[in-house]
C-alpha atoms as a PDB file:
ATOM      1  CA  ALA A   1     -24.268  -3.417   0.895  1.00  0.00           C
ATOM      2  CA  GLN A   2     -26.792  -1.995   3.391  1.00  0.00           C
ATOM      3  CA  LEU A   3     -28.203  -5.463   4.123  1.00  0.00           C
ATOM      4  CA  GLU A   4     -24.671  -6.767   4.700  1.00  0.00           C
ATOM      5  CA  GLN A   5     -23.949  -3.898   7.084  1.00  0.00           C
ATOM      6  CA  MET A   6     -27.185  -4.602   8.996  1.00  0.00           C
ATOM      7  CA  ALA A   7     -26.294  -8.287   9.282  1.00  0.00           C
ATOM      8  CA  LEU A   8     -22.826  -7.411  10.572  1.00  0.00           C
ATOM      9  CA  ALA A   9     -24.296  -4.968  13.089  1.00  0.00           C
ATOM     10  CA  LEU A  10     -26.694  -7.592  14.431  1.00  0.00           C
ATOM     11  CA  SER A  11     -23.917 -10.157  14.684  1.00  0.00           C
ATOM     12  CA  ASP A  12     -21.712  -7.644  16.511  1.00  0.00           C
ATOM     13  CA  PHE A  13     -24.550  -6.857  18.925  1.00  0.00           C
ATOM     14  CA  ARG A  14     -25.089 -10.535  19.737  1.00  0.00           C
ATOM     15  CA  HIS A  15     -21.380 -11.054  20.434  1.00  0.00           C
ATOM     16  CA  GLY A  16     -20.977  -7.901  22.502  1.00  0.00           C
ATOM     17  CA  THR A  17     -18.837  -6.147  19.893  1.00  0.00           C
ATOM     18  CA  GLN A  18     -18.779  -2.363  20.275  1.00  0.00           C
ATOM     19  CA  GLY A  19     -18.520  -1.604  16.570  1.00  0.00           C
ATOM     20  CA  HIS A  20     -17.305  -2.768  13.190  1.00  0.00           C
ATOM     21  CA  LEU A  21     -14.600  -1.122  11.076  1.00  0.00           C
ATOM     22  CA  ARG A  22     -14.431  -2.114   7.406  1.00  0.00           C
ATOM     23  CA  ILE A  23     -11.295  -1.111   5.487  1.00  0.00           C
ATOM     24  CA  TRP A  24     -10.224  -2.165   1.989  1.00  0.00           C
ATOM     25  CA  ALA A  25      -6.593  -1.382   1.190  1.00  0.00           C
ATOM     26  CA  ASN A  26      -3.877  -1.945  -1.380  1.00  0.00           C
ATOM     27  CA  THR A  27      -0.880  -4.162  -0.692  1.00  0.00           C
ATOM     28  CA  SER A  28       1.436  -1.236   0.097  1.00  0.00           C
ATOM     29  CA  ALA A  29      -0.751  -0.344   3.077  1.00  0.00           C
ATOM     30  CA  PHE A  30      -0.134  -3.763   4.621  1.00  0.00           C
ATOM     31  CA  GLY A  31       3.641  -3.257   4.497  1.00  0.00           C
ATOM     32  CA  HIS A  32       3.790  -0.703   7.315  1.00  0.00           C
ATOM     33  CA  PHE A  33       0.895   1.735   7.711  1.00  0.00           C
ATOM     34  CA  LEU A  34      -1.973  -0.613   8.547  1.00  0.00           C
ATOM     35  CA  PRO A  35      -0.190  -2.959  11.003  1.00  0.00           C
ATOM     36  CA  THR A  36       1.247  -0.040  12.935  1.00  0.00           C
ATOM     37  CA  THR A  37      -1.913   2.072  12.962  1.00  0.00           C
ATOM     38  CA  LEU A  38      -4.274  -0.779  13.668  1.00  0.00           C
ATOM     39  CA  ALA A  39      -2.161  -1.912  16.613  1.00  0.00           C
ATOM     40  CA  ILE A  40      -2.686   1.504  18.198  1.00  0.00           C
ATOM     41  CA  PHE A  41      -6.352   1.581  17.186  1.00  0.00           C
ATOM     42  CA  SER A  42      -7.055  -1.884  18.638  1.00  0.00           C
ATOM     43  CA  ALA A  43      -5.340  -0.972  21.909  1.00  0.00           C
ATOM     44  CA  ARG A  44      -7.564   2.097  22.227  1.00  0.00           C
ATOM     45  CA  HIS A  45     -10.748   0.359  21.061  1.00  0.00           C
ATOM     46  CA  PRO A  46     -10.481  -3.342  21.961  1.00  0.00           C
ATOM     47  CA  GLY A  47     -14.199  -3.892  21.471  1.00  0.00           C
ATOM     48  CA  ILE A  48     -14.219  -2.843  17.811  1.00  0.00           C
ATOM     49  CA  LYS A  49     -13.993  -5.620  15.247  1.00  0.00           C
ATOM     50  CA  VAL A  50     -11.818  -4.841  12.220  1.00  0.00           C
ATOM     51  CA  ASP A  51     -12.536  -6.283   8.760  1.00  0.00           C
ATOM     52  CA  LEU A  52      -9.686  -5.886   6.240  1.00  0.00           C
ATOM     53  CA  GLU A  53      -9.479  -6.696   2.530  1.00  0.00           C
ATOM     54  CA  ASP A  54      -6.243  -6.708   0.509  1.00  0.00           C
ATOM     55  CA  VAL A  55      -7.187  -5.486  -2.999  1.00  0.00           C
ATOM     56  CA  LEU A  56      -6.091  -3.188  -5.816  1.00  0.00           C
ATOM     57  CA  SER A  57      -6.400   0.533  -5.123  1.00  0.00           C
ATOM     58  CA  GLU A  58      -9.178   0.902  -7.700  1.00  0.00           C
ATOM     59  CA  GLU A  59     -11.164  -1.916  -6.073  1.00  0.00           C
ATOM     60  CA  ALA A  60     -10.725  -0.311  -2.653  1.00  0.00           C
ATOM     61  CA  ALA A  61     -11.930   3.060  -3.913  1.00  0.00           C
ATOM     62  CA  ARG A  62     -14.893   1.386  -5.626  1.00  0.00           C
ATOM     63  CA  ALA A  63     -15.807  -0.438  -2.415  1.00  0.00           C
ATOM     64  CA  VAL A  64     -16.083   2.893  -0.616  1.00  0.00           C
ATOM     65  CA  THR A  65     -18.052   4.475  -3.444  1.00  0.00           C
ATOM     66  CA  THR A  66     -20.603   1.619  -3.408  1.00  0.00           C
ATOM     67  CA  GLY A  67     -20.794   1.433   0.377  1.00  0.00           C
ATOM     68  CA  VAL A  68     -19.211  -2.008   0.773  1.00  0.00           C
ATOM     69  CA  ALA A  69     -16.428  -0.454   2.869  1.00  0.00           C
ATOM     70  CA  GLU A  70     -16.291   2.794   4.803  1.00  0.00           C
ATOM     71  CA  LEU A  71     -12.594   3.465   4.350  1.00  0.00           C
ATOM     72  CA  ALA A  72      -9.987   2.653   1.723  1.00  0.00           C
ATOM     73  CA  VAL A  73      -6.203   3.018   1.665  1.00  0.00           C
ATOM     74  CA  ILE A  74      -5.080   3.663  -1.910  1.00  0.00           C
ATOM     75  CA  GLY A  75      -2.159   4.928  -3.955  1.00  0.00           C
ATOM     76  CA  ASP A  76      -2.122   8.627  -4.737  1.00  0.00           C
ATOM     77  CA  ASN A  77      -2.437   7.980  -8.487  1.00  0.00           C
ATOM     78  CA  THR A  78      -5.861   6.346  -8.073  1.00  0.00           C
ATOM     79  CA  PRO A  79      -8.990   8.127  -9.377  1.00  0.00           C
ATOM     80  CA  THR A  80     -10.949   9.454  -6.361  1.00  0.00           C
ATOM     81  CA  GLU A  81     -13.851  11.352  -7.910  1.00  0.00           C
ATOM     82  CA  GLY A  82     -16.579  11.843  -5.339  1.00  0.00           C
ATOM     83  CA  LEU A  83     -14.358  10.752  -2.433  1.00  0.00           C
ATOM     84  CA  TYR A  84     -12.702  12.740   0.345  1.00  0.00           C
ATOM     85  CA  THR A  85      -9.048  11.798   0.933  1.00  0.00           C
ATOM     86  CA  LEU A  86      -6.293  12.605   3.374  1.00  0.00           C
ATOM     87  CA  PRO A  87      -2.621  11.500   3.356  1.00  0.00           C
ATOM     88  CA  CYS A  88      -1.930   8.607   5.682  1.00  0.00           C
ATOM     89  CA  GLU A  89       1.643   7.619   4.828  1.00  0.00           C
ATOM     90  CA  THR A  90       4.536   8.856   2.718  1.00  0.00           C
ATOM     91  CA  ASP A  91       7.285   6.443   1.783  1.00  0.00           C
ATOM     92  CA  GLU A  92      10.289   6.261  -0.506  1.00  0.00           C
ATOM     93  CA  LEU A  93      10.499   3.865  -3.418  1.00  0.00           C
ATOM     94  CA  VAL A  94      13.839   2.037  -3.530  1.00  0.00           C
ATOM     95  CA  LEU A  95      15.577  -0.455  -5.788  1.00  0.00           C
ATOM     96  CA  LEU A  96      15.967  -3.946  -4.340  1.00  0.00           C
ATOM     97  CA  VAL A  97      18.945  -5.950  -5.651  1.00  0.00           C
ATOM     98  CA  PRO A  98      20.930  -9.030  -4.547  1.00  0.00           C
ATOM     99  CA  ALA A  99      24.044  -8.105  -2.584  1.00  0.00           C
ATOM    100  CA  GLY A 100      26.310  -9.496  -5.322  1.00  0.00           C
ATOM    101  CA  HIS A 101      24.598  -7.688  -8.198  1.00  0.00           C
ATOM    102  CA  ALA A 102      26.566  -5.211 -10.318  1.00  0.00           C
ATOM    103  CA  LEU A 103      24.247  -2.374  -9.259  1.00  0.00           C
ATOM    104  CA  ALA A 104      24.669  -3.152  -5.564  1.00  0.00           C
ATOM    105  CA  VAL A 105      28.008  -1.300  -5.412  1.00  0.00           C
ATOM    106  CA  ARG A 106      26.283   2.012  -6.164  1.00  0.00           C
ATOM    107  CA  GLU A 107      24.664   4.032  -3.396  1.00  0.00           C
ATOM    108  CA  THR A 108      22.290   5.596  -5.932  1.00  0.00           C
ATOM    109  CA  VAL A 109      21.202   3.916  -9.176  1.00  0.00           C
ATOM    110  CA  ALA A 110      19.896   5.760 -12.205  1.00  0.00           C
ATOM    111  CA  PHE A 111      16.388   4.617 -13.045  1.00  0.00           C
ATOM    112  CA  THR A 112      17.368   4.180 -16.696  1.00  0.00           C
ATOM    113  CA  ASP A 113      20.241   1.872 -15.680  1.00  0.00           C
ATOM    114  CA  ALA A 114      17.871  -0.238 -13.628  1.00  0.00           C
ATOM    115  CA  LEU A 115      15.586  -0.562 -16.658  1.00  0.00           C
ATOM    116  CA  ASP A 116      18.364  -2.444 -18.462  1.00  0.00           C
ATOM    117  CA  HIS A 117      17.532  -5.412 -16.218  1.00  0.00           C
ATOM    118  CA  ASP A 118      14.550  -7.730 -15.767  1.00  0.00           C
ATOM    119  CA  PHE A 119      12.127  -6.929 -12.966  1.00  0.00           C
ATOM    120  CA  VAL A 120       9.975  -8.764 -10.465  1.00  0.00           C
ATOM    121  CA  GLY A 121       6.714  -6.920 -10.015  1.00  0.00           C
ATOM    122  CA  MET A 122       3.112  -7.138  -8.955  1.00  0.00           C
ATOM    123  CA  ASN A 123      -0.012  -7.042 -11.081  1.00  0.00           C
ATOM    124  CA  ARG A 124       0.309  -4.363 -13.759  1.00  0.00           C
ATOM    125  CA  SER A 125      -2.964  -2.844 -12.545  1.00  0.00           C
ATOM    126  CA  THR A 126      -1.573  -1.936  -9.111  1.00  0.00           C
ATOM    127  CA  SER A 127      -0.966   1.746  -8.441  1.00  0.00           C
ATOM    128  CA  LEU A 128       2.733   1.003  -7.765  1.00  0.00           C
ATOM    129  CA  MET A 129       3.340  -0.755 -11.088  1.00  0.00           C
ATOM    130  CA  ARG A 130       1.400   1.885 -13.006  1.00  0.00           C
ATOM    131  CA  HIS A 131       3.553   4.559 -11.403  1.00  0.00           C
ATOM    132  CA  ILE A 132       6.787   2.772 -12.430  1.00  0.00           C
ATOM    133  CA  ALA A 133       5.553   1.949 -15.930  1.00  0.00           C
ATOM    134  CA  ALA A 134       4.526   5.576 -16.508  1.00  0.00           C
ATOM    135  CA  ALA A 135       7.987   6.748 -15.394  1.00  0.00           C
ATOM    136  CA  ALA A 136       9.634   4.282 -17.766  1.00  0.00           C
ATOM    137  CA  GLY A 137       7.406   5.475 -20.609  1.00  0.00           C
ATOM    138  CA  ALA A 138       8.372   9.083 -19.897  1.00  0.00           C
ATOM    139  CA  CYS A 139      11.990   8.022 -20.477  1.00  0.00           C
ATOM    140  CA  GLY A 140      11.076   6.332 -23.741  1.00  0.00           C
ATOM    141  CA  ARG A 141      11.697   2.936 -22.166  1.00  0.00           C
ATOM    142  CA  VAL A 142       9.725  -0.176 -21.310  1.00  0.00           C
ATOM    143  CA  MET A 143       9.909  -1.999 -17.977  1.00  0.00           C
ATOM    144  CA  HIS A 144      10.532  -5.706 -18.635  1.00  0.00           C
ATOM    145  CA  THR A 145       8.676  -7.643 -15.947  1.00  0.00           C
ATOM    146  CA  ARG A 146       9.847 -11.245 -15.824  1.00  0.00           C
ATOM    147  CA  VAL A 147       7.758 -12.395 -12.867  1.00  0.00           C
ATOM    148  CA  GLN A 148       4.499 -11.091 -11.387  1.00  0.00           C
ATOM    149  CA  VAL A 149       3.582 -11.941  -7.802  1.00  0.00           C
ATOM    150  CA  ARG A 150       0.954 -10.881  -5.281  1.00  0.00           C
ATOM    151  CA  SER A 151       2.950  -9.636  -2.284  1.00  0.00           C
ATOM    152  CA  PHE A 152       6.094  -7.739  -1.339  1.00  0.00           C
ATOM    153  CA  ASP A 153       7.337 -10.813   0.511  1.00  0.00           C
ATOM    154  CA  ALA A 154       7.124 -12.839  -2.717  1.00  0.00           C
ATOM    155  CA  MET A 155       8.835 -10.023  -4.633  1.00  0.00           C
ATOM    156  CA  CYS A 156      11.775 -10.093  -2.222  1.00  0.00           C
ATOM    157  CA  ARG A 157      12.088 -13.878  -2.467  1.00  0.00           C
ATOM    158  CA  MET A 158      12.075 -13.777  -6.240  1.00  0.00           C
ATOM    159  CA  VAL A 159      14.770 -11.102  -6.275  1.00  0.00           C
ATOM    160  CA  SER A 160      16.811 -13.223  -3.869  1.00  0.00           C
ATOM    161  CA  ALA A 161      16.470 -16.135  -6.310  1.00  0.00           C
ATOM    162  CA  GLY A 162      18.007 -14.003  -9.060  1.00  0.00           C
ATOM    163  CA  LEU A 163      14.864 -13.610 -11.170  1.00  0.00           C
ATOM    164  CA  GLY A 164      15.059  -9.843 -11.432  1.00  0.00           C
ATOM    165  CA  LEU A 165      15.223  -6.536  -9.584  1.00  0.00           C
ATOM    166  CA  ALA A 166      12.319  -4.859  -7.811  1.00  0.00           C
ATOM    167  CA  ILE A 167      11.135  -1.373  -6.933  1.00  0.00           C
ATOM    168  CA  LEU A 168       9.025  -1.162  -3.784  1.00  0.00           C
ATOM    169  CA  PRO A 169       8.454   1.026  -0.726  1.00  0.00           C
ATOM    170  CA  ARG A 170      11.375   1.186   1.662  1.00  0.00           C
ATOM    171  CA  ALA A 171       9.173   0.445   4.670  1.00  0.00           C
ATOM    172  CA  SER A 172       7.989  -2.771   3.068  1.00  0.00           C
ATOM    173  CA  ALA A 173      11.419  -3.938   1.911  1.00  0.00           C
ATOM    174  CA  LEU A 174      13.498  -3.056   4.954  1.00  0.00           C
ATOM    175  CA  PRO A 175      12.259  -5.851   7.301  1.00  0.00           C
ATOM    176  CA  LEU A 176      12.712  -8.541   4.613  1.00  0.00           C
ATOM    177  CA  ALA A 177      15.910  -7.617   2.773  1.00  0.00           C
ATOM    178  CA  PRO A 178      18.727  -8.488   5.232  1.00  0.00           C
ATOM    179  CA  ALA A 179      17.635 -12.091   5.815  1.00  0.00           C
ATOM    180  CA  LEU A 180      17.439 -12.694   2.060  1.00  0.00           C
ATOM    181  CA  GLY A 181      20.834 -11.191   1.222  1.00  0.00           C
ATOM    182  CA  LEU A 182      19.337  -8.159  -0.496  1.00  0.00           C
ATOM    183  CA  VAL A 183      20.301  -4.482  -0.419  1.00  0.00           C
ATOM    184  CA  LEU A 184      18.270  -1.323  -0.929  1.00  0.00           C
ATOM    185  CA  ARG A 185      19.536   1.396  -3.226  1.00  0.00           C
ATOM    186  CA  ARG A 186      18.192   4.896  -3.828  1.00  0.00           C
ATOM    187  CA  LEU A 187      16.874   5.672  -7.302  1.00  0.00           C
ATOM    188  CA  ASP A 188      17.675   8.717  -9.417  1.00  0.00           C
ATOM    189  CA  GLY A 189      15.375   9.724 -12.254  1.00  0.00           C
ATOM    190  CA  LEU A 190      12.169   8.366 -10.724  1.00  0.00           C
ATOM    191  CA  TRP A 191       9.750  10.264  -8.471  1.00  0.00           C
ATOM    192  CA  THR A 192      10.365   8.129  -5.400  1.00  0.00           C
ATOM    193  CA  ARG A 193       8.197   9.885  -2.815  1.00  0.00           C
ATOM    194  CA  ARG A 194       4.914   7.994  -2.838  1.00  0.00           C
ATOM    195  CA  ARG A 195       1.846   8.757  -0.765  1.00  0.00           C
ATOM    196  CA  LEU A 196      -0.908   6.523   0.465  1.00  0.00           C
ATOM    197  CA  LEU A 197      -4.322   8.136   0.878  1.00  0.00           C
ATOM    198  CA  LEU A 198      -7.167   7.310   3.226  1.00  0.00           C
ATOM    199  CA  ALA A 199     -10.396   7.633   1.216  1.00  0.00           C
ATOM    200  CA  MET A 200     -13.987   7.926   2.407  1.00  0.00           C
ATOM    201  CA  ARG A 201     -17.331   9.144   1.031  1.00  0.00           C
ATOM    202  CA  ASP A 202     -18.798  11.575   3.555  1.00  0.00           C
ATOM    203  CA  ARG A 203     -16.811  12.125   6.697  1.00  0.00           C
ATOM    204  CA  GLN A 204     -19.831  13.430   8.570  1.00  0.00           C
ATOM    205  CA  GLN A 205     -21.723  10.162   8.007  1.00  0.00           C
ATOM    206  CA  LEU A 206     -18.949   7.786   9.081  1.00  0.00           C
ATOM    207  CA  SER A 207     -19.725   5.253  11.788  1.00  0.00           C
ATOM    208  CA  PRO A 208     -18.098   5.934  15.188  1.00  0.00           C
ATOM    209  CA  PRO A 209     -15.398   3.267  14.598  1.00  0.00           C
ATOM    210  CA  ALA A 210     -14.476   4.715  11.191  1.00  0.00           C
ATOM    211  CA  ARG A 211     -14.478   8.244  12.577  1.00  0.00           C
ATOM    212  CA  ALA A 212     -12.164   7.147  15.402  1.00  0.00           C
ATOM    213  CA  PHE A 213      -9.781   5.595  12.874  1.00  0.00           C
ATOM    214  CA  VAL A 214      -9.700   8.757  10.775  1.00  0.00           C
ATOM    215  CA  GLU A 215      -8.981  10.856  13.874  1.00  0.00           C
ATOM    216  CA  LEU A 216      -6.112   8.507  14.785  1.00  0.00           C
ATOM    217  CA  VAL A 217      -4.611   8.900  11.301  1.00  0.00           C
ATOM    218  CA  GLU A 218      -4.848  12.676  11.609  1.00  0.00           C
ATOM    219  CA  GLU A 219      -2.871  12.543  14.875  1.00  0.00           C
ATOM    220  CA  THR A 220       0.159  11.037  13.131  1.00  0.00           C
ATOM    221  CA  PRO A 221       2.826  13.132  11.347  1.00  0.00           C
ATOM    222  CA  GLN A 222       2.304  11.461   7.955  1.00  0.00           C
ATOM    223  CA  ALA A 223      -1.253  12.819   7.759  1.00  0.00           C
ATOM    224  CA  SER A 224       0.203  16.252   7.099  1.00  0.00           C
ATOM    225  CA  GLY A 225       2.127  14.873   4.116  1.00  0.00           C
END
């Protein structure tokens, strides 16, 4: 990891880059937090090159632990032993259903009623799916996942095709739902407030680009939870 960082630093120097920011993040982070925050960051620091990886929360945390990445954006149910974390976004989990679905007429849907239907989900190892599966288990139920995909965009398209319902962050679903004839419904009986965390090893040893990113996150309201 140190050799890779040295090679990147030399390449940046040759090309006049003022720094290199390496972030590994889960898919939820790409739905709203990262695009918005990185747009501000890039406007403030146009000379800093950003390197992003879309991975599972556990992989992102491991990348920081081993020094492959300086920062990780992970779900709040991810093990973070040895890492310092701060909240970077709080979002609401909602139920995504086709407009003509029987549950669409309800403003709020009981989680147990939603579990009567098939679901479209992501990899079972993701922090989001583990959160939902644990909630189902607490109710003595099993979540029946009919289709597994790799992105929220694909989830929305599968729901639109009638292959199942989906539970995902509101901020990720809201831009996609109207064009696909989908509606968002609040859930009752599931802890729907979900936090994303920004994880790092030692804040005092962060590179200037990483430190600047952390400071930007702390300026925003979501950093206070």
